[in-house]
Protein backbone atom coordinates (compact mmCIF):
# COMPACT_ATOMS: atom_id res chain seq x y z
CA UNK A 1 0.00 0.00 0.00
CA UNK A 2 1.38 3.39 -0.91
CA UNK A 3 2.46 5.56 1.98
CA UNK A 4 0.45 8.67 2.73
CA UNK A 5 1.98 12.07 2.43
CA UNK A 6 1.31 14.76 5.00
CA UNK A 7 -1.85 16.72 4.08
CA UNK A 8 -1.26 20.22 2.67
CA UNK A 9 -1.03 22.88 5.36
CA UNK A 10 -3.07 25.49 3.50
CA UNK A 11 -6.46 25.70 1.89
CA UNK A 12 -5.08 26.75 -1.50
CA UNK A 13 -7.21 24.35 -3.48
CA UNK A 14 -7.46 25.07 -7.19
CA UNK A 15 -10.20 22.76 -8.42
CA UNK A 16 -11.03 22.30 -12.07
CA UNK A 17 -13.64 20.11 -13.76
CA UNK A 18 -12.22 16.72 -14.70
CA UNK A 19 -13.21 14.32 -17.46
CA UNK A 20 -14.15 10.82 -16.42
CA UNK A 21 -11.48 8.33 -15.44
CA UNK A 22 -12.41 6.33 -18.53
CA UNK A 23 -11.68 9.38 -20.68
CA UNK A 24 -8.16 9.50 -19.26
CA UNK A 25 -7.69 5.87 -20.17
CA UNK A 26 -8.83 6.45 -23.75
CA UNK A 27 -6.68 9.57 -24.04
CA UNK A 28 -3.68 7.51 -23.00
CA UNK A 29 -4.33 5.08 -25.83
CA UNK A 30 -5.10 2.16 -23.58
CA UNK A 31 -7.17 -0.65 -25.08
CA UNK A 32 -10.59 -1.42 -23.67
CA UNK A 33 -10.68 -3.93 -20.86
CA UNK A 34 -11.35 -7.54 -21.91
CA UNK A 35 -13.88 -7.45 -19.08
CA UNK A 36 -15.89 -4.68 -20.76
CA UNK A 37 -19.54 -5.55 -20.53
CA UNK A 38 -18.96 -7.29 -17.21
CA UNK A 39 -22.24 -6.01 -15.80
CA UNK A 40 -24.29 -7.38 -18.69
CA UNK A 41 -22.48 -10.71 -18.48
CA UNK A 42 -22.91 -10.86 -14.72
CA UNK A 43 -26.64 -10.21 -14.91
CA UNK A 44 -26.98 -12.80 -17.69
CA UNK A 45 -25.08 -15.34 -15.60
CA UNK A 46 -27.37 -14.71 -12.66
CA UNK A 47 -30.46 -15.05 -14.84
CA UNK A 48 -29.44 -18.33 -16.52
CA UNK A 49 -27.88 -20.16 -13.61
CA UNK A 50 -30.22 -22.73 -12.08
CA UNK A 51 -28.02 -24.01 -9.28
CA UNK A 52 -27.59 -20.79 -7.34
CA UNK A 53 -29.85 -18.23 -5.67
CA UNK A 54 -30.98 -15.56 -8.09
CA UNK A 55 -29.21 -12.24 -7.59
CA UNK A 56 -30.98 -8.89 -7.62
CA UNK A 57 -30.68 -6.78 -10.72
CA UNK A 58 -27.31 -5.03 -11.10
CA UNK A 59 -25.62 -7.38 -8.61
CA UNK A 60 -22.09 -8.26 -9.67
CA UNK A 61 -21.90 -12.05 -10.06
CA UNK A 62 -18.61 -13.43 -11.31
CA UNK A 63 -18.77 -17.07 -10.25
CA UNK A 64 -15.27 -18.49 -9.95
CA UNK A 65 -13.76 -16.19 -12.57
CA UNK A 66 -12.79 -13.19 -10.47
CA UNK A 67 -10.67 -10.92 -12.64
CA UNK A 68 -7.43 -9.28 -11.55
CA UNK A 69 -7.89 -5.67 -12.62
CA UNK A 70 -5.46 -2.93 -13.50
CA UNK A 71 -6.05 0.57 -12.14
CA UNK A 72 -7.37 1.63 -15.56
CA UNK A 73 -9.85 -1.28 -15.57
CA UNK A 74 -11.02 -0.38 -12.06
CA UNK A 75 -11.48 3.20 -13.23
CA UNK A 76 -13.52 2.00 -16.19
CA UNK A 77 -15.78 -0.09 -13.99
CA UNK A 78 -16.27 2.77 -11.57
CA UNK A 79 -17.37 4.91 -14.51
CA UNK A 80 -19.77 2.15 -15.63
CA UNK A 81 -21.14 1.83 -12.10
CA UNK A 82 -21.84 5.55 -11.94
CA UNK A 83 -23.41 5.52 -15.41
CA UNK A 84 -25.69 2.63 -14.43
CA UNK A 85 -27.94 4.92 -12.40
CA UNK A 86 -27.52 2.87 -9.21
CA UNK A 87 -26.98 6.05 -7.20
CA UNK A 88 -30.10 8.12 -6.63
CA UNK A 89 -28.42 11.37 -5.63
CA UNK A 90 -26.33 13.80 -7.65
CA UNK A 91 -22.84 14.25 -6.17
CA UNK A 92 -21.46 17.55 -7.42
CA UNK A 93 -17.99 17.78 -5.85
CA UNK A 94 -15.81 16.06 -3.27
CA UNK A 95 -12.77 17.15 -1.30
CA UNK A 96 -10.32 14.64 0.17
CA UNK A 97 -7.22 15.44 2.18
CA UNK A 98 -5.86 12.08 0.96
CA UNK A 99 -5.39 13.42 -2.57
CA UNK A 100 -5.29 17.04 -1.39
CA UNK A 101 -7.89 18.58 -3.67
CA UNK A 102 -11.39 18.65 -5.11
CA UNK A 103 -12.87 16.41 -7.79
CA UNK A 104 -16.14 16.86 -9.65
CA UNK A 105 -16.01 13.33 -11.06
CA UNK A 106 -18.34 11.06 -9.01
CA UNK A 107 -16.34 7.98 -10.02
CA UNK A 108 -13.34 9.38 -8.15
CA UNK A 109 -15.30 10.15 -4.97
CA UNK A 110 -13.85 7.30 -2.91
CA UNK A 111 -12.08 6.88 0.41
CA UNK A 112 -9.46 4.29 1.50
CA UNK A 113 -10.98 1.10 2.87
CA UNK A 114 -8.37 1.03 5.65
CA UNK A 115 -9.56 4.40 6.92
CA UNK A 116 -10.55 3.70 10.52
CA UNK A 117 -13.79 5.58 9.93
CA UNK A 118 -14.78 2.75 7.57
CA UNK A 119 -13.84 -0.36 9.52
CA UNK A 120 -13.85 0.93 13.12
CA UNK A 121 -16.31 3.81 13.07
CA UNK A 122 -13.66 6.19 14.38
CA UNK A 123 -14.88 9.36 12.73
CA UNK A 124 -17.31 12.24 13.07
CA UNK A 125 -19.37 14.19 10.58
CA UNK A 126 -21.68 17.13 10.14
CA UNK A 127 -23.62 18.92 7.45
CA UNK A 128 -24.85 22.30 6.23
CA UNK A 129 -27.68 23.13 3.87
CA UNK A 130 -27.08 25.04 0.63
CA UNK A 131 -29.81 27.48 -0.36
CA UNK A 132 -29.57 30.01 -3.19
CA UNK A 133 -25.82 29.47 -3.33
CA UNK A 134 -25.35 30.17 0.38
CA UNK A 135 -24.24 27.81 3.13
CA UNK A 136 -26.76 27.88 5.97
CA UNK A 137 -25.50 27.81 9.55
CA UNK A 138 -22.03 26.64 8.54
CA UNK A 139 -20.40 28.30 11.56
CA UNK A 140 -22.81 26.63 13.99
CA UNK A 141 -22.41 23.20 12.40
CA UNK A 142 -18.63 23.61 12.17
CA UNK A 143 -18.43 24.39 15.90
CA UNK A 144 -20.34 21.20 16.68
CA UNK A 145 -18.19 19.27 14.20
CA UNK A 146 -14.96 20.28 15.90
CA UNK A 147 -16.42 19.58 19.34
CA UNK A 148 -17.36 16.07 18.17
CA UNK A 149 -13.83 15.57 16.82
CA UNK A 150 -12.36 16.55 20.17
CA UNK A 151 -14.65 14.15 22.02
CA UNK A 152 -13.67 11.38 19.58
CA UNK A 153 -9.95 12.11 20.12
CA UNK A 154 -9.38 13.02 16.47
CA UNK A 155 -6.49 15.40 15.84
CA UNK A 156 -7.40 18.07 13.30
CA UNK A 157 -5.48 17.91 10.01
CA UNK A 158 -5.92 21.68 9.63
CA UNK A 159 -7.00 24.57 11.81
CA UNK A 160 -10.61 25.74 11.88
CA UNK A 161 -10.19 28.57 9.37
CA UNK A 162 -8.53 26.23 6.86
CA UNK A 163 -11.27 23.61 7.22
CA UNK A 164 -13.88 26.35 6.76
CA UNK A 165 -12.11 27.58 3.62
CA UNK A 166 -11.88 24.07 2.18
CA UNK A 167 -15.61 23.50 2.72
CA UNK A 168 -16.56 26.79 1.06
CA UNK A 169 -14.23 26.12 -1.88
CA UNK A 170 -15.73 22.66 -2.34
CA UNK A 171 -19.23 24.11 -2.58
CA UNK A 172 -17.93 26.79 -4.95
CA UNK A 173 -16.36 24.16 -7.22
CA UNK A 174 -19.64 22.24 -7.31
CA UNK A 175 -21.63 25.26 -8.54
CA UNK A 176 -24.51 23.85 -6.50
CA UNK A 177 -27.16 26.40 -5.55
CA UNK A 178 -29.48 24.10 -3.59
CA UNK A 179 -28.56 20.96 -1.73
CA UNK A 180 -26.33 20.00 1.15
CA UNK A 181 -22.70 19.84 2.17
CA UNK A 182 -21.57 16.85 4.23
CA UNK A 183 -18.14 16.54 5.76
CA UNK A 184 -16.21 14.03 7.85
CA UNK A 185 -13.12 13.91 10.05
CA UNK A 186 -11.51 10.55 10.73
CA UNK A 187 -8.35 9.37 12.45
CA UNK A 188 -7.36 8.38 8.94
CA UNK A 189 -6.17 5.34 7.02
CA UNK A 190 -3.19 3.22 7.96
CA UNK A 191 -4.15 -0.32 8.94
CA UNK A 192 -6.98 -2.57 10.12
CA UNK A 193 -6.10 -2.46 13.80
CA UNK A 194 -8.44 -1.22 16.53
CA UNK A 195 -6.06 1.44 17.82
CA UNK A 196 -5.46 4.53 15.71
CA UNK A 197 -1.77 4.55 16.66
CA UNK A 198 -0.87 3.32 13.17
CA UNK A 199 -2.72 6.14 11.40
CA UNK A 200 -0.13 8.67 10.27
CA UNK A 201 -2.54 11.52 9.56
CA UNK A 202 -6.17 12.28 10.26
CA UNK A 203 -8.36 12.78 7.19
CA UNK A 204 -10.93 15.34 6.09
CA UNK A 205 -13.56 14.55 3.46
CA UNK A 206 -16.41 16.69 2.13
CA UNK A 207 -19.07 16.14 -0.51
CA UNK A 208 -21.72 18.36 -2.09
CA UNK A 209 -25.09 16.75 -2.86
CA UNK A 210 -27.61 18.47 -5.10
CA UNK A 211 -31.21 18.51 -3.85
CA UNK A 212 -33.39 20.44 -6.31
CA UNK A 213 -36.61 19.74 -4.38
CA UNK A 214 -37.48 21.38 -1.09
CA UNK A 215 -38.87 19.30 1.79
CA UNK A 216 -42.65 19.29 2.12
CA UNK A 217 -44.18 19.82 5.59
CA UNK A 218 -46.65 16.95 5.26
CA UNK A 219 -47.95 15.21 8.36
CA UNK A 220 -46.49 11.85 9.32
CA UNK A 221 -46.77 9.00 11.80
CA UNK A 222 -44.03 8.04 14.28
CA UNK A 223 -43.62 5.10 16.62
CA UNK A 224 -41.85 4.63 19.93
CA UNK A 225 -38.61 2.91 19.00
CA UNK A 226 -37.61 -0.41 20.53
CA UNK A 227 -33.99 0.18 19.50
CA UNK A 228 -31.88 1.16 22.54
CA UNK A 229 -30.89 4.81 22.57
CA UNK A 230 -27.19 5.68 22.62
CA UNK A 231 -25.62 6.46 25.96
CA UNK A 232 -25.26 10.14 26.75
CA UNK A 233 -21.55 10.21 25.88
CA UNK A 234 -22.22 9.09 22.31
CA UNK A 235 -25.66 10.68 21.86
CA UNK A 236 -24.25 14.21 22.18
CA UNK A 237 -21.44 13.44 19.71
CA UNK A 238 -22.13 13.34 15.96
CA UNK A 239 -20.07 10.25 15.19
CA UNK A 240 -20.35 8.00 12.15
CA UNK A 241 -21.76 5.21 14.34
CA UNK A 242 -25.33 5.64 13.09
CA UNK A 243 -26.42 2.00 13.13
CA UNK A 244 -28.87 2.60 16.03
CA UNK A 245 -30.19 5.63 14.14
CA UNK A 246 -30.57 3.69 10.91
CA UNK A 247 -32.36 0.81 12.65
CA UNK A 248 -34.69 3.26 14.38
CA UNK A 249 -35.56 4.82 11.03
CA UNK A 250 -36.10 1.39 9.42
CA UNK A 251 -38.25 0.23 12.34
CA UNK A 252 -40.47 3.28 11.93
CA UNK A 253 -40.86 2.65 8.21
CA UNK A 254 -41.60 -1.04 8.75
CA UNK A 255 -44.47 -0.03 11.03
CA UNK A 256 -45.99 2.38 8.53
CA UNK A 257 -44.38 5.47 9.99
CA UNK A 258 -41.76 8.04 9.07
CA UNK A 259 -39.33 7.22 11.86
CA UNK A 260 -39.02 6.11 15.48
CA UNK A 261 -38.90 8.22 18.62
CA UNK A 262 -36.35 7.47 21.30
CA UNK A 263 -36.97 7.76 25.03
CA UNK A 264 -34.09 8.47 27.40
CA UNK A 265 -32.98 6.34 30.34
CA UNK A 266 -35.62 7.96 32.55
CA UNK A 267 -38.44 7.40 30.07
CA UNK A 268 -38.67 11.01 28.88
CA UNK A 269 -38.92 11.95 25.19
CA UNK A 270 -35.43 12.19 23.71
CA UNK A 271 -35.20 12.57 19.91
CA UNK A 272 -35.96 10.99 16.57
CA UNK A 273 -33.61 8.87 14.48
CA UNK A 274 -31.69 11.91 13.21
CA UNK A 275 -33.91 14.82 14.14
CA UNK A 276 -35.13 16.68 17.19
CA UNK A 277 -38.71 16.61 18.48
CA UNK A 278 -40.90 19.58 19.34
CA UNK A 279 -44.39 20.03 20.76
CA UNK A 280 -47.00 22.76 21.04
CA UNK A 281 -48.83 22.26 24.32
CA UNK A 282 -52.51 22.95 24.88
CA UNK A 283 -51.46 26.24 26.49
CA UNK A 284 -49.65 27.16 23.24
CA UNK A 285 -46.14 26.74 24.61
CA UNK A 286 -43.43 25.54 22.21
CA UNK A 287 -41.70 22.74 24.05
CA UNK A 288 -38.55 20.74 23.25
CA UNK A 289 -36.66 18.10 25.27
CA UNK A 290 -33.46 19.30 26.88
CA UNK A 291 -30.26 18.84 24.86
CA UNK A 292 -28.12 17.44 27.67
CA UNK A 293 -28.68 13.76 26.71
CA UNK A 294 -29.23 14.13 22.97
CA UNK A 295 -27.55 15.73 19.98
CA UNK A 296 -27.70 19.50 20.10
CA UNK A 297 -29.59 20.18 16.88
CA UNK A 298 -28.48 23.34 15.07
CA UNK A 299 -31.76 23.59 13.17
CA UNK A 300 -33.77 23.00 16.35
CA UNK A 301 -31.88 25.75 18.16
CA UNK A 302 -32.47 28.12 15.26
CA UNK A 303 -36.19 27.27 15.34
CA UNK A 304 -36.27 28.16 19.03
CA UNK A 305 -34.75 31.54 18.19
CA UNK A 306 -37.11 32.23 15.27
CA UNK A 307 -40.12 31.13 17.34
CA UNK A 308 -39.69 34.22 19.50
CA UNK A 309 -41.46 36.08 16.69
CA UNK A 310 -44.54 33.93 17.31
CA UNK A 311 -44.38 34.72 21.02
CA UNK A 312 -44.17 38.43 20.23
CA UNK A 313 -47.32 38.35 18.08
CA UNK A 314 -49.25 36.18 20.55
CA UNK A 315 -49.39 32.96 18.53
CA UNK A 316 -47.28 31.22 21.17
CA UNK A 317 -47.47 31.78 24.90
CA UNK A 318 -43.85 30.89 25.49
CA UNK A 319 -40.86 28.68 24.66
CA UNK A 320 -39.42 26.03 26.94
CA UNK A 321 -36.79 23.27 26.92
CA UNK A 322 -37.28 20.66 29.66
CA UNK A 323 -38.10 17.02 30.29
CA UNK A 324 -41.18 15.89 28.37
CA UNK A 325 -43.09 12.76 29.37
CA UNK A 326 -44.66 10.50 26.76
CA UNK A 327 -48.09 11.28 28.20
CA UNK A 328 -47.54 15.02 27.87
CA UNK A 329 -46.16 14.65 24.36
CA UNK A 330 -49.08 12.58 23.12
CA UNK A 331 -51.54 15.05 24.66
CA UNK A 332 -49.99 18.03 22.84
CA UNK A 333 -51.91 20.11 20.31
CA UNK A 334 -49.04 19.71 17.85
CA UNK A 335 -45.95 17.57 17.48
CA UNK A 336 -43.13 18.06 14.98
CA UNK A 337 -39.76 16.71 13.88
CA UNK A 338 -36.97 19.23 13.27
CA UNK A 339 -33.75 18.73 11.32
CA UNK A 340 -31.66 20.14 8.49
CA UNK A 341 -33.00 17.62 5.97
CA UNK A 342 -36.70 18.02 6.78
CA UNK A 343 -36.71 21.50 8.39
CA UNK A 344 -40.01 21.19 10.30
CA UNK A 345 -42.19 18.14 9.69
CA UNK A 346 -45.57 17.82 11.49
CA UNK A 347 -46.42 14.59 13.30
CA UNK A 348 -50.13 13.71 13.25
CA UNK A 349 -49.93 10.29 14.94
CA UNK A 350 -47.63 8.77 17.55
CA UNK A 351 -48.13 5.02 17.93
CA UNK A 352 -51.93 4.65 18.15
CA UNK A 353 -52.45 8.18 19.48
CA UNK A 354 -53.71 10.89 17.13
CA UNK A 355 -51.93 14.18 17.85
CA UNK A 356 -54.23 17.18 18.20
CA UNK A 357 -56.75 17.33 15.39
CA UNK A 358 -54.91 14.67 13.40
CA UNK A 359 -53.90 17.26 10.81
CA UNK A 360 -50.84 19.44 10.26
CA UNK A 361 -50.93 22.21 12.88
CA UNK A 362 -50.58 25.94 12.18
CA UNK A 363 -47.52 26.48 14.40
CA UNK A 364 -45.52 23.76 12.62
CA UNK A 365 -46.36 25.38 9.28
CA UNK A 366 -45.35 28.82 10.57
CA UNK A 367 -42.05 27.49 11.90
CA UNK A 368 -41.38 25.74 8.57
CA UNK A 369 -41.98 29.03 6.75
CA UNK A 370 -39.77 30.94 9.18
CA UNK A 371 -36.81 28.58 8.86
CA UNK A 372 -37.16 28.44 5.06
CA UNK A 373 -37.23 32.23 4.82
CA UNK A 374 -34.22 32.38 7.15
CA UNK A 375 -32.34 30.06 4.79
CA UNK A 376 -33.20 32.28 1.84
CA UNK A 377 -32.64 35.73 3.30
CA UNK A 378 -31.46 35.43 6.90
CA UNK A 379 -28.66 37.48 8.47
CA UNK A 380 -24.95 36.97 7.63
CA UNK A 381 -24.54 35.08 10.90
CA UNK A 382 -26.41 32.13 9.37
CA UNK A 383 -25.83 32.60 5.62
CA UNK A 384 -22.38 32.43 3.98
CA UNK A 385 -22.09 32.87 0.21
CA UNK A 386 -19.81 30.45 -1.60
CA UNK A 387 -17.10 31.99 -3.78
CA UNK A 388 -18.78 30.95 -7.03
CA UNK A 389 -21.97 32.81 -6.08
CA UNK A 390 -19.91 35.84 -5.03
CA UNK A 391 -17.91 35.79 -8.28
CA UNK A 392 -21.11 35.54 -10.35
CA UNK A 393 -22.57 38.53 -8.50
CA UNK A 394 -19.37 40.54 -8.99
CA UNK A 395 -19.34 39.79 -12.72
CA UNK A 396 -23.00 40.77 -13.01
CA UNK A 397 -22.32 44.11 -11.32
CA UNK A 398 -19.28 44.78 -13.51
CA UNK A 399 -21.40 44.38 -16.66
CA UNK A 400 -24.27 46.54 -15.41
């Protein structure tokens, strides 16, 4: 395995669009792989074989003839995999400290398999929404990101300002105006041991995902999850160990709901699979569980701030963060899920209990509108333009 060089010490990334890896191979005059058409052959093999379990469509089945591939052949197959439409999201750009730059080629958006984030879960991550070419609450998410890294004993490969610059440049290179930025810190690649002592350098990865459609605040059902909640130490850290979260989400879907709701060790309402929970009580108080045992949601905290407008105009009687019993939650006039991917999503049924009128409540809709407007035209403290958007605006002004 090739040794890893020390990551660059500055954020001077100069990204440029790249042709596909297959295009490089053709430009170099390399002949097509003898394994070209491997996917078609694999599917045909799976369809005609009668002495093995049928494989799902697009599953790679090679029998006993496993090819030994050159790098160029691997690159070709990665291009074919991407072209197959197996992925259902559009990945616009990726940064990796391993290769020290940005790529806009989805086939090259890979990480080393010996990265301890992959095989040991020793990594943390966070996200930020992109709206109208601006990063929403990047500073707030970045603060939480670095706090999680410290709790996970991950040494930073760069200082905060450099990481911030890399993230903004990655979004700029993507030319994405609406979507999300996701980023990870890991102890890095090096070996398959449990300890990270063999990892020479920590690693930073970031990816921009286009999301042309906005979330819709439609009512949903939730269930009380049977999956054990994470202990406090890990619940307040945004680590890559999301198996309990994933199983909670799957359990909710299997029971006809949107997700599951966790209860804490005392039986109080905690959080959803990857979102916070809010209630509007019968006395019109906006109520959220305390953040001391759960992940401190940036979107939820922003909602609490924006909700002060509804207190000022009399639509809410107050705002509170405290322990919430299941009985109190199910008796609320409104219930909602809050997160960066869904913004504010009304809950109309929890287990067998109808919440309020059984329809989307007015406060949830108002909060959805407030957070969406904040993403579009909020103050500079929550909206950071990427350099591409800024450059476009500068060029427009110079021609006016």
